[in-house]
C-alpha cells in the first residue's frame, strides 16, 4: 500500500490539497498527517476520497472543532489526538509529531513505521 505522509500543513489549504492530490495520482491509498492547526484546512482534502489519519502536534489550534470535524467526516477523517498506534495494511504504525519521542518509539521495534 502506498501512503502519503504530510506534516505541518497548518492553514495552507492549497498546498495540502496539491500534495494529497498528487499522491493520489501516484497511487496513494491513505494519508498520514501530523500537525494540523485549523480543522477547516481539511476541507481541502475530504473531496479526494482518501482516508486521512491525523494527529495534532505542537501547534494544537482548535482541538474542539478538529474533533467535531472528524466526527462529521468520520468516513474519511480519523483524528487520534496527540499520538496513535494503529494498523494499516497489516503494518503497525505509530504516529506522533515530536522527534525525540519518535526515536524512542522506533527503538522499541514494536512498529513497522514511526
Protein backbone atom coordinates (compact mmCIF):
# COMPACT_ATOMS: atom_id res chain seq x y z
CA UNK A 1 0.00 0.00 0.00
CA UNK A 2 1.27 3.45 -0.89
CA UNK A 3 0.64 6.20 1.64
CA UNK A 4 1.02 9.97 1.60
CA UNK A 5 2.78 11.38 4.66
CA UNK A 6 2.37 15.10 5.34
CA UNK A 7 3.13 17.29 8.31
CA UNK A 8 2.91 20.89 9.40
CA UNK A 9 0.32 21.87 6.78
CA UNK A 10 -1.04 24.38 9.29
CA UNK A 11 -3.52 26.54 7.34
CA UNK A 12 -2.09 26.04 3.84
CA UNK A 13 -5.16 24.50 2.17
CA UNK A 14 -3.93 24.80 -1.41
CA UNK A 15 -0.55 23.21 -0.67
CA UNK A 16 -2.12 20.37 1.29
CA UNK A 17 -4.68 19.73 -1.44
CA UNK A 18 -1.99 19.73 -4.14
CA UNK A 19 0.24 17.33 -2.18
CA UNK A 20 -2.55 14.85 -1.43
CA UNK A 21 -3.95 15.07 -4.98
CA UNK A 22 -0.50 14.33 -6.43
CA UNK A 23 -0.01 11.45 -4.01
CA UNK A 24 -3.38 10.02 -5.02
CA UNK A 25 -2.39 10.28 -8.69
CA UNK A 26 0.78 8.36 -7.83
CA UNK A 27 -1.24 5.59 -6.18
CA UNK A 28 -1.54 6.61 -2.54
CA UNK A 29 -4.46 4.94 -0.79
CA UNK A 30 -4.23 6.74 2.57
CA UNK A 31 -2.81 9.88 4.18
CA UNK A 32 -0.89 10.13 7.43
CA UNK A 33 -0.97 13.74 8.63
CA UNK A 34 0.98 15.09 11.60
CA UNK A 35 0.34 18.57 13.00
CA UNK A 36 -2.67 20.46 11.74
CA UNK A 37 -3.81 23.82 13.11
CA UNK A 38 -7.22 24.70 11.65
CA UNK A 39 -9.78 21.96 11.05
CA UNK A 40 -11.11 23.97 8.10
CA UNK A 41 -7.86 23.09 6.29
CA UNK A 42 -9.19 19.53 5.98
CA UNK A 43 -11.90 20.73 3.58
CA UNK A 44 -9.09 20.81 1.02
CA UNK A 45 -8.70 17.01 1.09
CA UNK A 46 -12.02 15.44 2.09
CA UNK A 47 -13.27 15.56 -1.51
CA UNK A 48 -10.27 13.49 -2.69
CA UNK A 49 -11.71 10.36 -1.08
CA UNK A 50 -8.60 9.12 0.71
CA UNK A 51 -8.75 8.17 4.39
CA UNK A 52 -6.77 10.70 6.43
CA UNK A 53 -5.19 9.51 9.70
CA UNK A 54 -4.50 12.64 11.70
CA UNK A 55 -2.79 13.70 14.90
CA UNK A 56 -2.17 17.19 16.19
CA UNK A 57 1.33 18.27 17.08
CA UNK A 58 2.91 21.20 18.84
CA UNK A 59 0.57 23.74 17.21
CA UNK A 60 -2.73 22.48 18.59
CA UNK A 61 -5.02 25.16 17.14
CA UNK A 62 -8.72 24.42 17.66
CA UNK A 63 -8.88 20.90 19.08
CA UNK A 64 -12.58 21.04 19.88
CA UNK A 65 -13.58 21.84 16.31
CA UNK A 66 -10.98 19.44 14.94
CA UNK A 67 -12.65 16.66 16.91
CA UNK A 68 -16.09 17.79 15.71
CA UNK A 69 -14.94 17.96 12.08
CA UNK A 70 -13.58 14.41 12.34
CA UNK A 71 -16.92 13.22 13.74
CA UNK A 72 -18.85 14.78 10.85
CA UNK A 73 -16.40 13.32 8.30
CA UNK A 74 -15.81 10.02 10.09
CA UNK A 75 -15.84 8.10 6.82
CA UNK A 76 -12.55 9.74 5.76
CA UNK A 77 -11.03 11.68 8.69
CA UNK A 78 -9.60 9.64 11.57
CA UNK A 79 -8.42 12.03 14.30
CA UNK A 80 -6.44 10.44 17.12
CA UNK A 81 -5.32 13.32 19.32
CA UNK A 82 -1.62 13.71 20.17
CA UNK A 83 -0.41 10.24 19.13
CA UNK A 84 -1.72 6.90 17.99
CA UNK A 85 -0.68 3.32 17.45
CA UNK A 86 -2.77 1.55 14.81
CA UNK A 87 -2.63 -0.96 11.99
CA UNK A 88 -2.89 -0.07 8.31
CA UNK A 89 -2.46 -2.63 5.52
CA UNK A 90 -1.15 -5.17 8.04
CA UNK A 91 1.57 -2.77 9.18
CA UNK A 92 1.91 -1.44 12.71
CA UNK A 93 2.15 2.35 12.65
CA UNK A 94 2.79 4.83 15.42
CA UNK A 95 2.04 8.48 14.62
CA UNK A 96 3.31 11.46 16.55
CA UNK A 97 4.90 14.83 15.88
CA UNK A 98 7.81 15.01 18.31
CA UNK A 99 11.19 13.68 17.00
CA UNK A 100 12.67 12.71 20.38
CA UNK A 101 9.55 10.70 21.24
CA UNK A 102 9.53 9.18 17.74
CA UNK A 103 13.12 7.99 18.08
CA UNK A 104 12.33 6.31 21.38
CA UNK A 105 9.25 4.61 19.92
CA UNK A 106 11.21 3.46 16.86
CA UNK A 107 13.85 1.88 19.10
CA UNK A 108 11.23 -0.36 20.72
CA UNK A 109 10.77 -2.24 17.41
CA UNK A 110 7.07 -2.52 18.23
CA UNK A 111 6.06 -0.77 14.99
CA UNK A 112 6.84 -1.06 11.30
CA UNK A 113 6.62 2.70 10.82
CA UNK A 114 7.06 5.56 13.29
